[in-house]
Amino acid sequence: MKKISVTIVLAVSIFLFLAISCSDRKSMKMAEESFNKNCALCHPGGGNTVNPAKPLHKKDLDANNIKTEEDIVKIMREPGPGMNKFDENTIPDKEAKEIAGYILNTFK
């Protein structure tokens, strides 16, 4: 009985891990597509064609006190000079947060 219980727990754990992993990959792929559609023109490869002093790489974001997904979404919603504004109608909150996560995970 104990072997069966352990086997069931192990099987469920593996299934959940794989399901979450697949979901994360799908979400990251969608975020990458959204970034490419909305951001990559001005931020190719994490750079910045409008203001080269403010690329999207971690050390540069840190230097500009941008550390979280929420910080990035805030800038998307209320950008500085030269950057297009992306309001909730243009990029919904969930998608904006996914793009922000993509930026933080990709441009290190």
C-alpha atoms as a PDB file:
ATOM      1  CA  MET A   1       0.000   0.000   0.000  1.00  0.00           C
ATOM      2  CA  LYS A   2       2.814   2.361   0.904  1.00  0.00           C
ATOM      3  CA  LYS A   3       4.546   1.698  -2.450  1.00  0.00           C
ATOM      4  CA  ILE A   4       1.340   2.506  -4.329  1.00  0.00           C
ATOM      5  CA  SER A   5       0.873   5.751  -2.402  1.00  0.00           C
ATOM      6  CA  VAL A   6       4.454   6.830  -3.065  1.00  0.00           C
ATOM      7  CA  THR A   7       4.088   5.939  -6.744  1.00  0.00           C
ATOM      8  CA  ILE A   8       0.863   7.932  -7.042  1.00  0.00           C
ATOM      9  CA  VAL A   9       2.354  10.972  -5.292  1.00  0.00           C
ATOM     10  CA  LEU A  10       5.437  10.788  -7.509  1.00  0.00           C
ATOM     11  CA  ALA A  11       3.358  10.454 -10.690  1.00  0.00           C
ATOM     12  CA  VAL A  12       1.130  13.395  -9.742  1.00  0.00           C
ATOM     13  CA  SER A  13       4.182  15.507  -8.869  1.00  0.00           C
ATOM     14  CA  ILE A  14       5.817  14.774 -12.216  1.00  0.00           C
ATOM     15  CA  PHE A  15       2.589  15.523 -14.080  1.00  0.00           C
ATOM     16  CA  LEU A  16       2.150  18.862 -12.281  1.00  0.00           C
ATOM     17  CA  PHE A  17       5.778  19.816 -12.883  1.00  0.00           C
ATOM     18  CA  LEU A  18       5.471  19.077 -16.602  1.00  0.00           C
ATOM     19  CA  ALA A  19       2.138  20.891 -16.882  1.00  0.00           C
ATOM     20  CA  ILE A  20       3.525  23.994 -15.176  1.00  0.00           C
ATOM     21  CA  SER A  21       6.716  23.838 -17.227  1.00  0.00           C
ATOM     22  CA  CYS A  22       4.751  23.638 -20.495  1.00  0.00           C
ATOM     23  CA  SER A  23       2.514  26.476 -19.375  1.00  0.00           C
ATOM     24  CA  ASP A  24       5.540  28.630 -18.501  1.00  0.00           C
ATOM     25  CA  ARG A  25       7.148  27.957 -21.885  1.00  0.00           C
ATOM     26  CA  LYS A  26       3.915  28.814 -23.691  1.00  0.00           C
ATOM     27  CA  SER A  27       3.522  31.998 -21.654  1.00  0.00           C
ATOM     28  CA  MET A  28       7.152  33.001 -22.312  1.00  0.00           C
ATOM     29  CA  LYS A  29       6.710  32.368 -26.050  1.00  0.00           C
ATOM     30  CA  MET A  30       3.577  34.538 -26.091  1.00  0.00           C
ATOM     31  CA  ALA A  31       5.443  37.248 -24.157  1.00  0.00           C
ATOM     32  CA  GLU A  32       8.296  37.093 -26.662  1.00  0.00           C
ATOM     33  CA  GLU A  33       5.826  37.490 -29.532  1.00  0.00           C
ATOM     34  CA  SER A  34       4.192  40.469 -27.789  1.00  0.00           C
ATOM     35  CA  PHE A  35       7.607  42.043 -27.152  1.00  0.00           C
ATOM     36  CA  ASN A  36       8.569  41.569 -30.802  1.00  0.00           C
ATOM     37  CA  LYS A  37       5.265  43.064 -31.952  1.00  0.00           C
ATOM     38  CA  ASN A  38       5.202  46.067 -29.608  1.00  0.00           C
ATOM     39  CA  CYS A  39       8.718  46.773 -28.359  1.00  0.00           C
ATOM     40  CA  ALA A  40      11.447  45.276 -30.553  1.00  0.00           C
ATOM     41  CA  LEU A  41      11.398  48.076 -33.124  1.00  0.00           C
ATOM     42  CA  CYS A  42      12.867  50.486 -30.557  1.00  0.00           C
ATOM     43  CA  HIS A  43      14.424  47.851 -28.262  1.00  0.00           C
ATOM     44  CA  PRO A  44      16.120  45.341 -30.594  1.00  0.00           C
ATOM     45  CA  GLY A  45      18.118  42.825 -28.593  1.00  0.00           C
ATOM     46  CA  GLY A  46      17.305  44.725 -25.417  1.00  0.00           C
ATOM     47  CA  GLY A  47      18.915  47.917 -26.658  1.00  0.00           C
ATOM     48  CA  ASN A  48      17.260  51.295 -27.126  1.00  0.00           C
ATOM     49  CA  THR A  49      17.349  53.088 -30.481  1.00  0.00           C
ATOM     50  CA  VAL A  50      15.612  56.204 -29.107  1.00  0.00           C
ATOM     51  CA  ASN A  51      17.668  56.640 -25.924  1.00  0.00           C
ATOM     52  CA  PRO A  52      20.795  54.455 -26.023  1.00  0.00           C
ATOM     53  CA  ALA A  53      21.509  55.359 -22.378  1.00  0.00           C
ATOM     54  CA  LYS A  54      18.420  53.378 -21.289  1.00  0.00           C
ATOM     55  CA  PRO A  55      18.574  49.829 -22.680  1.00  0.00           C
ATOM     56  CA  LEU A  56      16.686  46.912 -21.160  1.00  0.00           C
ATOM     57  CA  HIS A  57      19.628  44.955 -19.744  1.00  0.00           C
ATOM     58  CA  LYS A  58      19.513  44.181 -16.027  1.00  0.00           C
ATOM     59  CA  LYS A  59      22.417  46.422 -14.995  1.00  0.00           C
ATOM     60  CA  ASP A  60      20.890  49.343 -16.891  1.00  0.00           C
ATOM     61  CA  LEU A  61      17.413  48.732 -15.487  1.00  0.00           C
ATOM     62  CA  ASP A  62      18.912  48.542 -11.980  1.00  0.00           C
ATOM     63  CA  ALA A  63      20.787  51.812 -12.576  1.00  0.00           C
ATOM     64  CA  ASN A  64      17.451  53.436 -13.466  1.00  0.00           C
ATOM     65  CA  ASN A  65      15.753  51.910 -10.388  1.00  0.00           C
ATOM     66  CA  ILE A  66      13.647  49.540 -12.501  1.00  0.00           C
ATOM     67  CA  LYS A  67      13.652  46.218 -10.685  1.00  0.00           C
ATOM     68  CA  THR A  68      10.237  44.561 -11.016  1.00  0.00           C
ATOM     69  CA  GLU A  69       7.606  43.699 -13.589  1.00  0.00           C
ATOM     70  CA  GLU A  70       5.436  46.398 -12.029  1.00  0.00           C
ATOM     71  CA  ASP A  71       8.192  48.992 -12.572  1.00  0.00           C
ATOM     72  CA  ILE A  72       8.356  48.095 -16.270  1.00  0.00           C
ATOM     73  CA  VAL A  73       4.569  48.128 -16.696  1.00  0.00           C
ATOM     74  CA  LYS A  74       4.459  51.558 -15.025  1.00  0.00           C
ATOM     75  CA  ILE A  75       6.908  52.878 -17.630  1.00  0.00           C
ATOM     76  CA  MET A  76       4.889  51.270 -20.422  1.00  0.00           C
ATOM     77  CA  ARG A  77       1.809  53.087 -19.106  1.00  0.00           C
ATOM     78  CA  GLU A  78       3.509  56.443 -18.400  1.00  0.00           C
ATOM     79  CA  PRO A  79       6.712  56.568 -20.475  1.00  0.00           C
ATOM     80  CA  GLY A  80       9.279  59.303 -20.693  1.00  0.00           C
ATOM     81  CA  PRO A  81       9.972  61.434 -23.763  1.00  0.00           C
ATOM     82  CA  GLY A  82      10.390  59.527 -27.008  1.00  0.00           C
ATOM     83  CA  MET A  83       8.619  56.321 -25.965  1.00  0.00           C
ATOM     84  CA  ASN A  84       5.140  55.380 -27.125  1.00  0.00           C
ATOM     85  CA  LYS A  85       2.514  55.079 -24.411  1.00  0.00           C
ATOM     86  CA  PHE A  86       0.973  51.616 -24.118  1.00  0.00           C
ATOM     87  CA  ASP A  87      -2.282  51.974 -22.182  1.00  0.00           C
ATOM     88  CA  GLU A  88      -4.519  49.125 -21.010  1.00  0.00           C
ATOM     89  CA  ASN A  89      -6.471  49.228 -24.279  1.00  0.00           C
ATOM     90  CA  THR A  90      -3.316  48.809 -26.353  1.00  0.00           C
ATOM     91  CA  ILE A  91      -1.667  46.158 -24.175  1.00  0.00           C
ATOM     92  CA  PRO A  92      -3.887  44.612 -21.471  1.00  0.00           C
ATOM     93  CA  ASP A  93      -2.420  44.359 -17.956  1.00  0.00           C
ATOM     94  CA  LYS A  94      -1.820  40.594 -18.136  1.00  0.00           C
ATOM     95  CA  GLU A  95       0.050  40.901 -21.433  1.00  0.00           C
ATOM     96  CA  ALA A  96       2.023  43.922 -20.194  1.00  0.00           C
ATOM     97  CA  LYS A  97       3.132  41.967 -17.130  1.00  0.00           C
ATOM     98  CA  GLU A  98       4.150  39.011 -19.335  1.00  0.00           C
ATOM     99  CA  ILE A  99       6.223  41.344 -21.534  1.00  0.00           C
ATOM    100  CA  ALA A 100       7.852  42.794 -18.409  1.00  0.00           C
ATOM    101  CA  GLY A 101       8.683  39.292 -17.185  1.00  0.00           C
ATOM    102  CA  TYR A 102      10.129  38.455 -20.588  1.00  0.00           C
ATOM    103  CA  ILE A 103      12.348  41.560 -20.431  1.00  0.00           C
ATOM    104  CA  LEU A 104      13.615  40.709 -16.936  1.00  0.00           C
ATOM    105  CA  ASN A 105      14.319  37.079 -17.870  1.00  0.00           C
ATOM    106  CA  THR A 106      15.815  37.684 -21.302  1.00  0.00           C
ATOM    107  CA  PHE A 107      18.041  40.747 -21.179  1.00  0.00           C
ATOM    108  CA  LYS A 108      20.423  39.940 -18.322  1.00  0.00           C
END
